[in-house]
């Protein structure tokens, strides 16, 4: 499957928002958003006029999709699944995105970014309930135990990621044992618990696909 392989910082510049695609770099002075660099492309100031309603909805959809590193088709299929679930479609969409295995690995601080977490999963370093799973989009269920294989626990990316547990803690819907490099997805998150998506307006994504 095709995947974006260009500069990740370019995506943050396009959205003029930190998407946290490069781990520690996003928190450093090297981040282009911290440097207030302009959007990519020729004459970006010439494209900063008032957006149409469609443009605002598209922008919000692209921002959310890029944060989770998902291609358009897979993102739309996730939306369709959220639409079939009982409850509010936008909140269901966030829950499904948060339950992706690569995202859970990231939330447990076994990796510094979702991209790194995806690589850990793809390369077979991650177990779910004791069984190897190498599918980043695998949907983790409440109560599932996610851990790094014994021989992979000393990987630099894992050890660097675990430092964040003591520095910033974990999200309310996961619990982690840093010493065992093991964690549990305790529940599907409530919308307000996903604090780094506080400025995301998922209802605009629903409106975009409902056109």
N, C-alpha and C. Protein backbone atom coordinates (compact mmCIF):
# COMPACT_ATOMS: atom_id res chain seq x y z
N UNK A 1 0.84 -1.19 0.00
CA UNK A 1 0.00 0.00 0.00
C UNK A 1 0.88 1.25 0.00
N UNK A 2 0.52 2.24 -0.82
CA UNK A 2 1.28 3.48 -0.89
C UNK A 2 1.20 4.22 0.44
N UNK A 3 2.26 4.92 0.77
CA UNK A 3 2.28 5.70 2.01
C UNK A 3 3.15 6.94 1.79
N UNK A 4 2.80 8.02 2.44
CA UNK A 4 3.57 9.25 2.33
C UNK A 4 4.97 9.02 2.88
N UNK A 5 5.98 9.35 2.08
CA UNK A 5 7.37 9.14 2.49
C UNK A 5 8.18 10.44 2.47
N UNK A 6 7.49 11.55 2.31
CA UNK A 6 8.18 12.83 2.27
C UNK A 6 8.51 13.35 3.67
N UNK A 7 9.00 14.58 3.76
CA UNK A 7 9.36 15.17 5.05
C UNK A 7 8.14 15.31 5.96
N UNK A 8 8.23 14.75 7.17
CA UNK A 8 7.09 14.80 8.08
C UNK A 8 6.82 16.21 8.59
N UNK A 9 7.88 16.98 8.77
CA UNK A 9 7.69 18.35 9.26
C UNK A 9 6.89 19.19 8.26
N UNK A 10 6.95 18.81 6.99
CA UNK A 10 6.19 19.52 5.96
C UNK A 10 4.69 19.42 6.25
N UNK A 11 4.25 18.26 6.77
CA UNK A 11 2.83 18.07 7.08
C UNK A 11 2.40 19.00 8.22
N UNK A 12 3.26 19.13 9.22
CA UNK A 12 2.94 20.05 10.33
C UNK A 12 2.87 21.49 9.82
N UNK A 13 3.79 21.85 8.93
CA UNK A 13 3.79 23.20 8.37
C UNK A 13 2.54 23.44 7.54
N UNK A 14 2.10 22.41 6.82
CA UNK A 14 0.90 22.55 6.00
C UNK A 14 -0.33 22.84 6.85
N UNK A 15 -0.37 22.22 8.04
CA UNK A 15 -1.51 22.41 8.93
C UNK A 15 -1.29 23.55 9.91
N UNK A 16 -0.04 24.06 9.96
CA UNK A 16 0.34 25.09 10.93
C UNK A 16 -0.03 24.66 12.34
N UNK A 17 0.25 23.39 12.61
CA UNK A 17 -0.04 22.80 13.92
C UNK A 17 0.88 21.62 14.14
N UNK A 18 1.32 21.42 15.39
CA UNK A 18 2.13 20.26 15.71
C UNK A 18 1.27 19.00 15.62
N UNK A 19 1.70 18.06 14.78
CA UNK A 19 1.02 16.78 14.65
C UNK A 19 1.77 15.69 15.41
N UNK A 20 2.90 16.03 16.01
CA UNK A 20 3.72 15.12 16.81
C UNK A 20 4.06 13.85 16.02
N UNK A 21 4.66 14.07 14.86
CA UNK A 21 5.01 12.97 13.97
C UNK A 21 6.46 12.51 14.14
N UNK A 22 7.27 13.29 14.87
CA UNK A 22 8.70 12.97 14.96
C UNK A 22 9.21 12.89 16.40
N UNK A 23 8.34 12.55 17.32
CA UNK A 23 8.77 12.30 18.69
C UNK A 23 9.42 13.50 19.35
N UNK A 24 10.65 13.31 19.87
CA UNK A 24 11.34 14.35 20.63
C UNK A 24 11.59 15.61 19.82
N UNK A 25 11.78 15.48 18.53
CA UNK A 25 12.04 16.66 17.69
C UNK A 25 10.89 17.66 17.79
N UNK A 26 9.66 17.14 17.93
CA UNK A 26 8.49 18.01 18.00
C UNK A 26 8.50 18.86 19.27
N UNK A 27 9.23 18.40 20.28
CA UNK A 27 9.28 19.13 21.55
C UNK A 27 10.52 20.02 21.66
N UNK A 28 11.36 19.98 20.63
CA UNK A 28 12.62 20.72 20.67
C UNK A 28 12.50 22.04 19.91
N UNK A 29 13.57 22.83 19.98
CA UNK A 29 13.61 24.10 19.26
C UNK A 29 13.74 23.90 17.75
N UNK A 30 14.03 22.68 17.31
CA UNK A 30 14.17 22.39 15.89
C UNK A 30 12.82 22.30 15.18
N UNK A 31 11.76 22.19 15.95
CA UNK A 31 10.42 22.05 15.36
C UNK A 31 10.09 23.29 14.54
N UNK A 32 9.67 23.14 13.27
CA UNK A 32 9.38 24.31 12.43
C UNK A 32 8.20 25.13 12.93
N UNK A 33 7.30 24.51 13.70
CA UNK A 33 6.18 25.26 14.26
C UNK A 33 6.68 26.20 15.36
N UNK A 34 7.64 25.70 16.15
CA UNK A 34 8.24 26.57 17.17
C UNK A 34 8.97 27.74 16.53
N UNK A 35 9.54 27.47 15.35
CA UNK A 35 10.27 28.53 14.63
C UNK A 35 9.32 29.43 13.83
N UNK A 36 8.02 29.07 13.85
CA UNK A 36 6.99 29.85 13.15
C UNK A 36 7.27 29.93 11.65
N UNK A 37 7.70 28.81 11.09
CA UNK A 37 7.94 28.76 9.65
C UNK A 37 6.61 28.73 8.90
N UNK A 38 6.60 29.28 7.72
CA UNK A 38 5.37 29.38 6.94
C UNK A 38 4.99 28.04 6.34
N UNK A 39 3.79 27.98 5.80
CA UNK A 39 3.32 26.76 5.15
C UNK A 39 4.16 26.48 3.92
N UNK A 40 4.30 25.21 3.51
CA UNK A 40 5.11 24.88 2.33
C UNK A 40 4.44 25.33 1.04
N UNK A 41 5.23 25.36 -0.02
CA UNK A 41 4.68 25.73 -1.32
C UNK A 41 5.03 27.16 -1.71
N UNK A 42 4.80 27.47 -2.96
CA UNK A 42 5.11 28.80 -3.49
C UNK A 42 4.08 29.81 -3.01
N UNK A 43 4.56 30.92 -2.48
CA UNK A 43 3.72 32.02 -2.01
C UNK A 43 2.59 31.53 -1.09
N UNK A 44 2.94 30.94 0.07
CA UNK A 44 1.90 30.44 0.98
C UNK A 44 0.97 31.54 1.49
N UNK A 45 1.47 32.79 1.57
CA UNK A 45 0.62 33.88 2.06
C UNK A 45 -0.50 34.19 1.07
N UNK A 46 -0.28 33.82 -0.18
CA UNK A 46 -1.30 34.04 -1.19
C UNK A 46 -2.43 33.04 -1.11
N UNK A 47 -2.26 32.01 -0.24
CA UNK A 47 -3.29 30.96 -0.12
C UNK A 47 -3.93 30.96 1.27
N UNK A 48 -3.80 32.08 1.97
CA UNK A 48 -4.30 32.13 3.35
C UNK A 48 -5.60 32.93 3.46
N UNK A 49 -6.30 33.06 2.35
CA UNK A 49 -7.58 33.76 2.39
C UNK A 49 -8.64 32.97 3.12
N UNK A 50 -9.81 33.52 3.19
CA UNK A 50 -10.91 32.87 3.91
C UNK A 50 -11.29 31.56 3.24
N UNK A 51 -11.36 30.49 4.03
CA UNK A 51 -11.71 29.17 3.50
C UNK A 51 -13.22 29.04 3.34
N UNK A 52 -13.62 28.24 2.36
CA UNK A 52 -15.03 27.90 2.21
C UNK A 52 -15.40 26.88 3.28
N UNK A 53 -16.67 26.61 3.43
CA UNK A 53 -17.13 25.60 4.40
C UNK A 53 -16.53 24.25 4.07
N UNK A 54 -16.50 23.91 2.78
CA UNK A 54 -15.89 22.65 2.36
C UNK A 54 -14.40 22.62 2.71
N UNK A 55 -13.71 23.75 2.49
CA UNK A 55 -12.28 23.82 2.77
C UNK A 55 -11.99 23.64 4.25
N UNK A 56 -12.83 24.19 5.11
CA UNK A 56 -12.65 24.04 6.56
C UNK A 56 -12.83 22.59 6.97
N UNK A 57 -13.84 21.93 6.41
CA UNK A 57 -14.09 20.52 6.73
C UNK A 57 -12.96 19.63 6.21
N UNK A 58 -12.50 19.89 5.00
CA UNK A 58 -11.39 19.13 4.43
C UNK A 58 -10.12 19.30 5.26
N UNK A 59 -9.86 20.53 5.68
CA UNK A 59 -8.68 20.83 6.49
C UNK A 59 -8.71 20.03 7.80
N UNK A 60 -9.86 19.96 8.43
CA UNK A 60 -9.97 19.25 9.71
C UNK A 60 -9.79 17.75 9.51
N UNK A 61 -10.36 17.23 8.42
CA UNK A 61 -10.21 15.81 8.12
C UNK A 61 -8.76 15.45 7.85
N UNK A 62 -8.07 16.27 7.07
CA UNK A 62 -6.67 16.03 6.74
C UNK A 62 -5.80 16.09 7.99
N UNK A 63 -6.09 17.03 8.87
CA UNK A 63 -5.31 17.20 10.09
C UNK A 63 -5.42 15.94 10.96
N UNK A 64 -6.64 15.45 11.15
CA UNK A 64 -6.84 14.26 11.99
C UNK A 64 -6.22 13.03 11.34
N UNK A 65 -6.41 12.88 10.03
CA UNK A 65 -5.87 11.72 9.32
C UNK A 65 -4.34 11.70 9.37
N UNK A 66 -3.73 12.86 9.22
CA UNK A 66 -2.27 12.93 9.24
C UNK A 66 -1.71 12.67 10.64
N UNK A 67 -2.43 13.09 11.66
CA UNK A 67 -1.96 12.85 13.03
C UNK A 67 -1.81 11.35 13.30
N UNK A 68 -2.75 10.57 12.77
CA UNK A 68 -2.71 9.12 13.00
C UNK A 68 -1.95 8.38 11.90
N UNK A 69 -1.50 9.11 10.87
CA UNK A 69 -0.69 8.49 9.82
C UNK A 69 -1.44 7.47 9.00
N UNK A 70 -2.68 7.77 8.65
CA UNK A 70 -3.53 6.80 7.94
C UNK A 70 -3.83 7.31 6.54
N UNK A 71 -3.83 6.42 5.58
CA UNK A 71 -4.20 6.78 4.22
C UNK A 71 -5.69 7.02 4.11
N UNK A 72 -6.10 7.72 3.07
CA UNK A 72 -7.48 8.15 2.92
C UNK A 72 -8.48 6.98 2.94
N UNK A 73 -8.20 5.92 2.21
CA UNK A 73 -9.15 4.82 2.13
C UNK A 73 -9.36 4.18 3.50
N UNK A 74 -8.28 3.95 4.23
CA UNK A 74 -8.39 3.32 5.54
C UNK A 74 -9.10 4.26 6.53
N UNK A 75 -8.83 5.54 6.41
CA UNK A 75 -9.48 6.51 7.28
C UNK A 75 -10.99 6.53 7.02
N UNK A 76 -11.37 6.48 5.74
CA UNK A 76 -12.80 6.49 5.41
C UNK A 76 -13.49 5.21 5.89
N UNK A 77 -12.81 4.08 5.78
CA UNK A 77 -13.39 2.82 6.26
C UNK A 77 -13.58 2.88 7.78
N UNK A 78 -12.65 3.53 8.48
CA UNK A 78 -12.80 3.71 9.92
C UNK A 78 -13.99 4.59 10.23
N UNK A 79 -14.17 5.64 9.43
CA UNK A 79 -15.34 6.52 9.59
C UNK A 79 -16.64 5.73 9.37
N UNK A 80 -16.68 4.90 8.32
CA UNK A 80 -17.90 4.13 8.05
C UNK A 80 -18.22 3.19 9.21
N UNK A 81 -17.19 2.60 9.81
CA UNK A 81 -17.40 1.73 10.96
C UNK A 81 -17.94 2.54 12.14
N UNK A 82 -17.40 3.74 12.34
CA UNK A 82 -17.87 4.60 13.42
C UNK A 82 -19.32 4.99 13.22
N UNK A 83 -19.70 5.19 11.97
CA UNK A 83 -21.06 5.58 11.64
C UNK A 83 -22.06 4.48 11.97
N UNK A 84 -21.64 3.23 11.85
CA UNK A 84 -22.55 2.10 12.13
C UNK A 84 -22.69 1.81 13.62
N UNK A 85 -21.80 2.36 14.42
CA UNK A 85 -21.83 2.12 15.86
C UNK A 85 -22.88 3.02 16.52
N UNK A 86 -23.47 2.56 17.64
CA UNK A 86 -24.39 3.44 18.37
C UNK A 86 -23.63 4.60 19.00
N UNK A 87 -24.31 5.73 19.15
CA UNK A 87 -23.65 6.87 19.77
C UNK A 87 -23.31 7.94 18.74
N UNK A 88 -22.47 8.88 19.15
CA UNK A 88 -22.08 10.02 18.31
C UNK A 88 -20.96 9.59 17.36
N UNK A 89 -21.17 9.76 16.07
CA UNK A 89 -20.22 9.27 15.07
C UNK A 89 -18.82 9.84 15.25
N UNK A 90 -18.72 11.14 15.50
CA UNK A 90 -17.40 11.76 15.65
C UNK A 90 -16.63 11.20 16.83
N UNK A 91 -17.31 11.01 17.95
CA UNK A 91 -16.66 10.45 19.13
C UNK A 91 -16.30 8.98 18.90
N UNK A 92 -17.15 8.27 18.19
CA UNK A 92 -16.84 6.87 17.84
C UNK A 92 -15.58 6.80 16.98
N UNK A 93 -15.44 7.75 16.07
CA UNK A 93 -14.27 7.79 15.19
C UNK A 93 -12.99 7.94 16.02
N UNK A 94 -13.01 8.84 16.98
CA UNK A 94 -11.84 9.04 17.84
C UNK A 94 -11.54 7.77 18.62
N UNK A 95 -12.56 7.11 19.15
CA UNK A 95 -12.36 5.88 19.92
C UNK A 95 -11.70 4.80 19.06
N UNK A 96 -12.18 4.66 17.83
CA UNK A 96 -11.61 3.64 16.94
C UNK A 96 -10.17 3.96 16.58
N UNK A 97 -9.87 5.22 16.35
CA UNK A 97 -8.49 5.61 16.04
C UNK A 97 -7.58 5.36 17.24
N UNK A 98 -8.07 5.65 18.43
CA UNK A 98 -7.27 5.45 19.63
C UNK A 98 -7.06 3.96 19.93
N UNK A 99 -7.96 3.11 19.44
CA UNK A 99 -7.85 1.67 19.70
C UNK A 99 -6.95 0.96 18.70
N UNK A 100 -6.44 1.66 17.69
CA UNK A 100 -5.48 1.04 16.77
C UNK A 100 -4.24 0.60 17.53
N UNK A 101 -3.68 -0.54 17.17
CA UNK A 101 -2.54 -1.08 17.89
C UNK A 101 -1.35 -0.13 17.86
N UNK A 102 -1.06 0.47 16.70
CA UNK A 102 0.09 1.38 16.65
C UNK A 102 -0.11 2.58 17.58
N UNK A 103 -1.35 3.06 17.67
CA UNK A 103 -1.61 4.18 18.57
C UNK A 103 -1.50 3.77 20.04
N UNK A 104 -1.98 2.57 20.38
CA UNK A 104 -1.89 2.09 21.76
C UNK A 104 -0.42 1.94 22.17
N UNK A 105 0.40 1.40 21.26
CA UNK A 105 1.84 1.29 21.54
C UNK A 105 2.43 2.67 21.80
N UNK A 106 2.01 3.66 21.03
CA UNK A 106 2.45 5.04 21.23
C UNK A 106 1.96 5.59 22.57
N UNK A 107 0.70 5.36 22.90
CA UNK A 107 0.14 5.86 24.15
C UNK A 107 0.80 5.22 25.37
N UNK A 108 1.28 4.00 25.21
CA UNK A 108 1.97 3.32 26.32
C UNK A 108 3.42 3.76 26.45
N UNK A 109 3.85 4.65 25.55
CA UNK A 109 5.22 5.18 25.54
C UNK A 109 6.27 4.11 25.22
N UNK A 110 5.88 3.13 24.41
CA UNK A 110 6.86 2.17 23.92
C UNK A 110 7.57 2.73 22.69
N UNK A 111 7.13 3.89 22.21
CA UNK A 111 7.73 4.56 21.06
C UNK A 111 7.48 6.06 21.22
N UNK A 112 8.33 6.86 20.57
CA UNK A 112 8.23 8.30 20.71
C UNK A 112 7.24 8.96 19.78
N UNK A 113 6.75 8.21 18.77
CA UNK A 113 5.78 8.75 17.82
C UNK A 113 4.97 7.59 17.27
N UNK A 114 3.87 7.90 16.61
CA UNK A 114 3.06 6.84 16.00
C UNK A 114 3.81 6.17 14.86
N UNK A 115 4.65 6.92 14.16
CA UNK A 115 5.45 6.31 13.09
C UNK A 115 6.40 5.26 13.65
N UNK A 116 7.07 5.59 14.76
CA UNK A 116 7.96 4.62 15.39
C UNK A 116 7.17 3.42 15.91
N UNK A 117 5.99 3.69 16.48
CA UNK A 117 5.15 2.60 16.99
C UNK A 117 4.72 1.67 15.85
N UNK A 118 4.41 2.26 14.70
CA UNK A 118 4.00 1.46 13.55
C UNK A 118 5.14 0.55 13.09
N UNK A 119 6.35 1.05 13.13
CA UNK A 119 7.51 0.24 12.74
C UNK A 119 7.72 -0.92 13.72
N UNK A 120 7.55 -0.65 15.02
CA UNK A 120 7.69 -1.72 16.00
C UNK A 120 6.69 -2.84 15.74
N UNK A 121 5.46 -2.45 15.43
CA UNK A 121 4.42 -3.45 15.15
C UNK A 121 4.73 -4.22 13.87
N UNK A 122 5.05 -3.50 12.81
CA UNK A 122 5.31 -4.13 11.51
C UNK A 122 6.48 -5.10 11.57
N UNK A 123 7.48 -4.80 12.40
CA UNK A 123 8.67 -5.65 12.50
C UNK A 123 8.53 -6.76 13.53
N UNK A 124 7.31 -6.93 14.05
CA UNK A 124 7.04 -8.07 14.92
C UNK A 124 7.56 -7.97 16.34
N UNK A 125 7.74 -6.76 16.85
CA UNK A 125 8.26 -6.59 18.20
C UNK A 125 7.17 -6.57 19.27
N UNK A 126 5.90 -6.58 18.86
CA UNK A 126 4.80 -6.35 19.80
C UNK A 126 3.90 -7.58 19.94
N UNK A 127 3.49 -7.85 21.18
CA UNK A 127 2.56 -8.93 21.49
C UNK A 127 1.26 -8.36 22.02
N UNK A 128 0.16 -9.00 21.65
CA UNK A 128 -1.16 -8.67 22.22
C UNK A 128 -1.70 -9.92 22.87
N UNK A 129 -1.89 -9.86 24.17
CA UNK A 129 -2.33 -11.03 24.94
C UNK A 129 -1.42 -12.24 24.70
N UNK A 130 -0.12 -11.95 24.60
CA UNK A 130 0.87 -13.02 24.46
C UNK A 130 1.10 -13.51 23.05
N UNK A 131 0.36 -12.98 22.07
CA UNK A 131 0.50 -13.42 20.69
C UNK A 131 1.04 -12.29 19.82
N UNK A 132 1.95 -12.62 18.92
CA UNK A 132 2.55 -11.61 18.04
C UNK A 132 1.51 -11.07 17.07
N UNK A 133 1.44 -9.75 16.96
CA UNK A 133 0.54 -9.09 16.01
C UNK A 133 1.36 -8.05 15.25
N UNK A 134 1.38 -8.15 13.93
CA UNK A 134 2.18 -7.21 13.14
C UNK A 134 1.32 -6.35 12.21
N UNK A 135 0.08 -6.11 12.63
CA UNK A 135 -0.86 -5.30 11.85
C UNK A 135 -1.12 -4.00 12.62
N UNK A 136 -0.59 -2.87 12.16
CA UNK A 136 -0.76 -1.60 12.90
C UNK A 136 -2.21 -1.21 13.13
N UNK A 137 -3.10 -1.56 12.19
CA UNK A 137 -4.51 -1.17 12.31
C UNK A 137 -5.32 -2.13 13.17
N UNK A 138 -4.67 -3.17 13.72
CA UNK A 138 -5.37 -4.13 14.58
C UNK A 138 -6.11 -3.37 15.68
N UNK A 139 -7.37 -3.71 15.90
CA UNK A 139 -8.19 -3.01 16.87
C UNK A 139 -8.06 -3.65 18.25
N UNK A 140 -7.44 -2.93 19.16
CA UNK A 140 -7.26 -3.42 20.53
C UNK A 140 -8.56 -3.26 21.30
N UNK A 141 -8.89 -4.22 22.12
CA UNK A 141 -10.13 -4.19 22.90
C UNK A 141 -9.82 -3.92 24.37
N UNK A 142 -10.77 -3.34 25.10
CA UNK A 142 -10.55 -3.10 26.53
C UNK A 142 -10.17 -4.39 27.26
N UNK A 143 -9.13 -4.31 28.05
CA UNK A 143 -8.63 -5.48 28.77
C UNK A 143 -7.47 -6.16 28.08
N UNK A 144 -7.23 -5.84 26.81
CA UNK A 144 -6.11 -6.46 26.09
C UNK A 144 -4.77 -5.97 26.66
N UNK A 145 -3.85 -6.91 26.79
CA UNK A 145 -2.51 -6.60 27.30
C UNK A 145 -1.54 -6.49 26.12
N UNK A 146 -0.88 -5.36 26.02
CA UNK A 146 0.07 -5.10 24.94
C UNK A 146 1.46 -5.01 25.54
N UNK A 147 2.40 -5.73 24.96
CA UNK A 147 3.77 -5.72 25.49
C UNK A 147 4.79 -5.85 24.36
N UNK A 148 6.01 -5.50 24.69
CA UNK A 148 7.11 -5.65 23.74
C UNK A 148 7.78 -6.99 24.01
N UNK A 149 8.15 -7.69 22.93
CA UNK A 149 8.81 -8.99 23.08
C UNK A 149 10.05 -8.88 23.95
N UNK A 150 10.35 -9.95 24.65
CA UNK A 150 11.46 -9.95 25.59
C UNK A 150 12.77 -9.51 24.93
N UNK A 151 13.05 -10.05 23.75
CA UNK A 151 14.32 -9.74 23.09
C UNK A 151 14.36 -8.32 22.51
N UNK A 152 13.19 -7.64 22.51
CA UNK A 152 13.12 -6.30 21.92
C UNK A 152 13.04 -5.20 22.98
N UNK A 153 13.01 -5.56 24.25
CA UNK A 153 12.79 -4.57 25.31
C UNK A 153 13.95 -3.59 25.45
N UNK A 154 15.12 -3.98 25.00
CA UNK A 154 16.29 -3.11 25.13
C UNK A 154 16.50 -2.21 23.91
N UNK A 155 15.59 -2.27 22.95
CA UNK A 155 15.72 -1.40 21.78
C UNK A 155 15.75 0.06 22.21
N UNK A 156 16.59 0.84 21.56
CA UNK A 156 16.74 2.25 21.93
C UNK A 156 15.43 3.01 21.85
N UNK A 157 14.66 2.76 20.80
CA UNK A 157 13.39 3.48 20.63
C UNK A 157 12.44 3.19 21.78
N UNK A 158 12.47 1.95 22.28
CA UNK A 158 11.59 1.57 23.39
C UNK A 158 12.06 2.23 24.69
N UNK A 159 13.34 2.16 24.97
CA UNK A 159 13.88 2.73 26.20
C UNK A 159 13.73 4.25 26.23
N UNK A 160 13.93 4.89 25.08
CA UNK A 160 13.76 6.34 25.02
C UNK A 160 12.30 6.73 25.23
N UNK A 161 11.39 5.93 24.66
CA UNK A 161 9.97 6.21 24.81
C UNK A 161 9.50 6.07 26.24
N UNK A 162 10.01 5.08 26.94
CA UNK A 162 9.59 4.81 28.32
C UNK A 162 9.98 5.93 29.29
N UNK A 163 10.95 6.74 28.91
CA UNK A 163 11.33 7.87 29.77
C UNK A 163 10.17 8.84 29.95
N UNK A 164 9.26 8.86 28.97
CA UNK A 164 8.12 9.77 29.03
C UNK A 164 7.12 9.37 30.11
N UNK A 165 7.13 8.09 30.53
CA UNK A 165 6.17 7.64 31.54
C UNK A 165 6.36 8.41 32.83
N UNK A 166 7.62 8.54 33.25
CA UNK A 166 7.90 9.26 34.49
C UNK A 166 7.81 10.77 34.32
N UNK A 167 8.03 11.25 33.11
CA UNK A 167 8.03 12.69 32.86
C UNK A 167 6.63 13.26 32.66
N UNK A 168 5.79 12.55 31.90
CA UNK A 168 4.47 13.09 31.56
C UNK A 168 3.32 12.17 31.92
N UNK A 169 3.60 10.96 32.44
CA UNK A 169 2.53 10.05 32.82
C UNK A 169 1.88 9.40 31.59
N UNK A 170 0.74 8.76 31.81
CA UNK A 170 0.03 8.09 30.72
C UNK A 170 -1.41 8.57 30.67
N UNK A 171 -2.09 8.21 29.63
CA UNK A 171 -3.49 8.58 29.49
C UNK A 171 -4.37 7.69 30.38
N UNK A 172 -5.56 8.21 30.71
CA UNK A 172 -6.43 7.55 31.69
C UNK A 172 -6.92 6.18 31.22
N UNK A 173 -6.94 5.94 29.92
CA UNK A 173 -7.51 4.71 29.39
C UNK A 173 -6.45 3.64 29.10
N UNK A 174 -5.22 3.88 29.54
CA UNK A 174 -4.18 2.85 29.46
C UNK A 174 -3.43 2.82 30.79
N UNK A 175 -2.92 1.65 31.13
CA UNK A 175 -2.02 1.53 32.29
C UNK A 175 -0.76 0.83 31.81
N UNK A 176 0.38 1.21 32.38
CA UNK A 176 1.65 0.69 31.89
C UNK A 176 2.56 0.30 33.05
N UNK A 177 3.28 -0.80 32.84
CA UNK A 177 4.32 -1.23 33.76
C UNK A 177 5.65 -1.05 33.03
N UNK A 178 6.36 0.06 33.27
CA UNK A 178 7.59 0.35 32.51
C UNK A 178 8.66 -0.73 32.68
N UNK A 179 8.74 -1.31 33.86
CA UNK A 179 9.78 -2.32 34.11
C UNK A 179 9.56 -3.58 33.27
N UNK A 180 8.30 -3.97 33.12
CA UNK A 180 7.97 -5.16 32.34
C UNK A 180 7.76 -4.82 30.86
N UNK A 181 7.75 -3.52 30.53
CA UNK A 181 7.45 -3.03 29.17
C UNK A 181 6.14 -3.68 28.71
N UNK A 182 5.15 -3.51 29.54
CA UNK A 182 3.84 -4.12 29.31
C UNK A 182 2.76 -3.13 29.74
N UNK A 183 1.66 -3.13 29.06
CA UNK A 183 0.57 -2.24 29.42
C UNK A 183 -0.77 -2.82 29.05
N UNK A 184 -1.83 -2.18 29.54
CA UNK A 184 -3.20 -2.64 29.28
C UNK A 184 -4.03 -1.49 28.73
N UNK A 185 -4.79 -1.81 27.70
CA UNK A 185 -5.78 -0.87 27.17
C UNK A 185 -7.03 -1.06 28.02
N UNK A 186 -7.24 -0.20 29.00
CA UNK A 186 -8.26 -0.46 30.02
C UNK A 186 -9.68 -0.17 29.56
N UNK A 187 -9.86 0.78 28.64
CA UNK A 187 -11.21 1.13 28.19
C UNK A 187 -11.12 2.00 26.95
N UNK A 188 -12.21 2.03 26.18
CA UNK A 188 -12.28 3.00 25.09
C UNK A 188 -12.34 4.39 25.73
N UNK A 189 -11.58 5.33 25.22
CA UNK A 189 -11.52 6.64 25.88
C UNK A 189 -12.78 7.47 25.70
N UNK A 190 -13.10 8.26 26.71
CA UNK A 190 -14.10 9.30 26.54
C UNK A 190 -13.45 10.44 25.77
N UNK A 191 -14.24 11.19 25.05
CA UNK A 191 -13.69 12.23 24.17
C UNK A 191 -12.78 13.20 24.93
N UNK A 192 -13.20 13.61 26.12
CA UNK A 192 -12.42 14.60 26.87
C UNK A 192 -11.11 14.04 27.40
N UNK A 193 -10.94 12.71 27.39
CA UNK A 193 -9.71 12.11 27.88
C UNK A 193 -8.58 12.16 26.86
N UNK A 194 -8.92 12.38 25.60
CA UNK A 194 -7.89 12.46 24.54
C UNK A 194 -7.46 13.92 24.44
N UNK A 195 -6.65 14.33 25.39
CA UNK A 195 -6.36 15.75 25.58
C UNK A 195 -5.56 16.38 24.44
N UNK A 196 -4.73 15.60 23.74
CA UNK A 196 -3.94 16.21 22.67
C UNK A 196 -4.77 16.43 21.40
N UNK A 197 -6.04 16.03 21.43
CA UNK A 197 -6.95 16.31 20.32
C UNK A 197 -7.99 17.34 20.72
N UNK A 198 -7.68 18.12 21.75
CA UNK A 198 -8.67 19.07 22.30
C UNK A 198 -9.13 20.08 21.25
N UNK A 199 -8.24 20.46 20.32
CA UNK A 199 -8.63 21.46 19.33
C UNK A 199 -9.11 20.85 18.02
N UNK A 200 -9.25 19.52 17.99
CA UNK A 200 -9.79 18.85 16.80
C UNK A 200 -11.31 18.88 16.85
N UNK A 201 -11.93 19.28 15.77
CA UNK A 201 -13.40 19.33 15.69
C UNK A 201 -13.86 18.16 14.82
N UNK A 202 -14.03 17.01 15.45
CA UNK A 202 -14.36 15.81 14.69
C UNK A 202 -15.71 15.89 14.00
N UNK A 203 -16.61 16.77 14.49
CA UNK A 203 -17.91 16.92 13.85
C UNK A 203 -17.75 17.45 12.42
N UNK A 204 -16.71 18.25 12.19
CA UNK A 204 -16.44 18.74 10.84
C UNK A 204 -16.04 17.61 9.91
N UNK A 205 -15.36 16.60 10.46
CA UNK A 205 -14.98 15.42 9.66
C UNK A 205 -16.24 14.66 9.27
N UNK A 206 -17.17 14.52 10.21
CA UNK A 206 -18.44 13.85 9.93
C UNK A 206 -19.20 14.61 8.85
N UNK A 207 -19.22 15.94 8.96
CA UNK A 207 -19.93 16.75 7.97
C UNK A 207 -19.27 16.63 6.60
N UNK A 208 -17.94 16.52 6.58
CA UNK A 208 -17.23 16.38 5.30
C UNK A 208 -17.67 15.11 4.58
N UNK A 209 -17.72 13.98 5.29
CA UNK A 209 -18.08 12.72 4.66
C UNK A 209 -19.59 12.58 4.45
N UNK A 210 -20.37 13.46 5.07
CA UNK A 210 -21.83 13.37 4.93
C UNK A 210 -22.33 14.23 3.78
N UNK A 211 -21.44 14.90 3.09
CA UNK A 211 -21.85 15.80 2.00
C UNK A 211 -22.51 15.03 0.87
